[in-house]
């Protein structure tokens, strides 16, 4: 799906009104709407800082910088075969990771939260502190439920 300029403008209008643009982006068939919104914001900040400044503060926040060191080519298996990427081709931020058994985890830079989408399509979104609390309390929760872990 190629995101049009009109779609980007509409997402910015939605955010400027105080609403969340992610459902709109998902309705366009975009699977990783949070990452797409981050890219739209960065482009807007460079191209039109005045409009960017009109976005609510919660939408102007950015994700913490994640840095991965690469000492050689990265080789990935894709549906079309093997893909080799040289380190100079990787000036990108990593915002999502896929676990084949659990699903996709994505860091939402606007809300400082992590979204978990299972393979069946169910979604859970918690703030970073919520995930920490869940990690701490899950063993006791499972114990109380009678589930051995």
Protein backbone atom coordinates (compact mmCIF):
# COMPACT_ATOMS: atom_id res chain seq x y z
CA UNK A 1 0.00 0.00 0.00
CA UNK A 2 1.48 3.32 -1.04
CA UNK A 3 0.55 6.12 1.32
CA UNK A 4 -0.59 9.18 -0.64
CA UNK A 5 0.09 12.78 0.27
CA UNK A 6 -3.65 13.21 0.86
CA UNK A 7 -3.63 10.29 3.31
CA UNK A 8 -0.67 11.83 5.16
CA UNK A 9 -2.45 15.19 5.32
CA UNK A 10 -5.60 13.51 6.64
CA UNK A 11 -3.60 11.72 9.36
CA UNK A 12 -2.07 15.07 10.39
CA UNK A 13 -5.53 16.72 10.44
CA UNK A 14 -6.84 13.93 12.67
CA UNK A 15 -3.92 14.34 15.08
CA UNK A 16 -4.22 18.15 15.04
CA UNK A 17 -7.85 17.77 16.16
CA UNK A 18 -6.63 15.75 19.15
CA UNK A 19 -7.79 12.37 17.83
CA UNK A 20 -5.60 9.33 17.28
CA UNK A 21 -4.55 8.93 13.62
CA UNK A 22 -3.60 5.26 14.01
CA UNK A 23 -7.09 3.81 13.34
CA UNK A 24 -7.27 5.88 10.14
CA UNK A 25 -3.87 4.59 9.00
CA UNK A 26 -4.88 1.00 9.82
CA UNK A 27 -8.08 1.48 7.81
CA UNK A 28 -5.85 2.11 4.79
CA UNK A 29 -4.37 -1.37 5.20
CA UNK A 30 -1.18 -0.23 6.92
CA UNK A 31 -0.08 -2.98 9.29
CA UNK A 32 2.42 -0.97 11.33
CA UNK A 33 0.45 2.24 11.73
CA UNK A 34 2.56 3.54 14.65
CA UNK A 35 5.79 3.35 12.67
CA UNK A 36 4.08 4.97 9.68
CA UNK A 37 2.78 7.78 11.91
CA UNK A 38 6.31 8.34 13.27
CA UNK A 39 7.59 8.73 9.70
CA UNK A 40 4.75 11.13 8.82
CA UNK A 41 5.56 13.26 11.89
CA UNK A 42 9.26 13.39 11.06
CA UNK A 43 8.49 14.45 7.50
CA UNK A 44 6.03 17.07 8.73
CA UNK A 45 8.52 18.45 11.25
CA UNK A 46 11.06 18.99 8.47
CA UNK A 47 8.68 20.17 5.73
CA UNK A 48 6.22 22.23 7.77
CA UNK A 49 7.42 23.03 11.32
CA UNK A 50 4.51 25.43 11.89
CA UNK A 51 1.90 22.72 11.35
CA UNK A 52 3.99 20.27 13.37
CA UNK A 53 3.99 22.77 16.27
CA UNK A 54 0.17 22.81 16.16
CA UNK A 55 -0.04 19.09 16.95
CA UNK A 56 -0.96 18.30 20.56
CA UNK A 57 2.14 17.76 22.72
CA UNK A 58 1.39 14.05 23.09
CA UNK A 59 1.71 13.65 19.31
CA UNK A 60 4.97 15.62 19.07
CA UNK A 61 6.84 13.26 21.41
CA UNK A 62 9.33 10.96 19.80
CA UNK A 63 10.62 7.52 20.58
CA UNK A 64 13.91 7.07 22.36
CA UNK A 65 16.78 6.52 19.97
CA UNK A 66 17.57 2.83 19.55
CA UNK A 67 20.97 2.02 18.15
CA UNK A 68 22.12 -1.33 16.79
CA UNK A 69 25.78 -1.82 15.96
CA UNK A 70 26.43 -3.78 12.80
CA UNK A 71 29.95 -5.01 12.07
CA UNK A 72 29.19 -6.55 8.72
CA UNK A 73 26.37 -7.30 6.31
CA UNK A 74 22.97 -8.32 7.66
CA UNK A 75 21.50 -11.37 5.95
CA UNK A 76 17.73 -11.85 6.16
CA UNK A 77 15.52 -14.58 4.81
CA UNK A 78 12.47 -13.18 3.02
CA UNK A 79 9.60 -14.79 1.14
CA UNK A 80 11.52 -13.98 -2.03
CA UNK A 81 14.82 -15.53 -0.89
CA UNK A 82 17.86 -14.28 0.96
CA UNK A 83 18.48 -10.54 1.25
CA UNK A 84 21.84 -9.05 2.17
CA UNK A 85 21.97 -5.50 3.50
CA UNK A 86 25.23 -3.63 3.97
CA UNK A 87 25.67 -1.60 7.21
CA UNK A 88 25.58 1.73 5.35
CA UNK A 89 22.06 0.82 4.19
CA UNK A 90 20.70 0.63 7.76
CA UNK A 91 20.22 4.22 9.08
CA UNK A 92 16.80 3.26 10.46
CA UNK A 93 15.14 2.93 13.84
CA UNK A 94 13.85 -0.44 14.93
CA UNK A 95 10.33 -0.08 16.35
CA UNK A 96 8.98 -3.62 16.02
CA UNK A 97 10.02 -7.22 16.46
CA UNK A 98 8.22 -10.39 15.43
CA UNK A 99 8.31 -13.56 17.50
CA UNK A 100 7.05 -16.47 15.39
CA UNK A 101 5.25 -18.01 18.37
CA UNK A 102 3.87 -14.92 20.10
CA UNK A 103 3.32 -12.33 17.37
CA UNK A 104 4.51 -8.78 16.79
CA UNK A 105 5.64 -6.31 19.44
CA UNK A 106 5.79 -2.65 18.45
CA UNK A 107 6.99 0.43 20.34
CA UNK A 108 4.52 3.31 19.87
CA UNK A 109 6.59 6.48 20.03
CA UNK A 110 3.55 8.74 20.53
CA UNK A 111 2.27 7.04 23.64
CA UNK A 112 5.47 5.52 25.08
CA UNK A 113 3.72 2.17 24.94
CA UNK A 114 4.24 -1.26 23.50
CA UNK A 115 1.60 -2.88 21.31
CA UNK A 116 1.45 -6.66 21.10
CA UNK A 117 -0.44 -8.14 18.16
CA UNK A 118 -0.86 -11.91 18.32
CA UNK A 119 -0.84 -14.11 15.24
CA UNK A 120 -4.63 -14.28 15.56
CA UNK A 121 -4.87 -10.49 15.40
CA UNK A 122 -5.70 -9.73 19.03
CA UNK A 123 -4.00 -6.59 20.33
CA UNK A 124 -2.77 -5.56 23.77
CA UNK A 125 -1.36 -2.08 24.38
CA UNK A 126 0.30 -1.13 27.66
CA UNK A 127 2.62 1.64 28.69
CA UNK A 128 6.20 0.61 29.40
CA UNK A 129 5.48 0.69 33.16
CA UNK A 130 2.43 -1.52 32.62
CA UNK A 131 4.57 -4.14 30.87
CA UNK A 132 7.09 -4.00 33.75
CA UNK A 133 4.27 -4.50 36.26
CA UNK A 134 2.89 -7.41 34.22
CA UNK A 135 6.34 -9.06 34.11
CA UNK A 136 6.69 -8.70 37.88
CA UNK A 137 3.19 -9.93 38.73
CA UNK A 138 2.61 -12.61 36.09
CA UNK A 139 4.27 -15.48 38.02
CA UNK A 140 1.99 -14.82 41.02
CA UNK A 141 -1.07 -14.40 38.78
CA UNK A 142 -0.38 -17.77 37.11
CA UNK A 143 0.20 -19.39 40.51
CA UNK A 144 -3.13 -18.09 41.86
CA UNK A 145 -4.87 -19.37 38.71
CA UNK A 146 -3.30 -22.79 39.28
CA UNK A 147 -1.17 -22.68 36.15
CA UNK A 148 2.35 -24.05 36.46
CA UNK A 149 4.91 -21.99 34.62
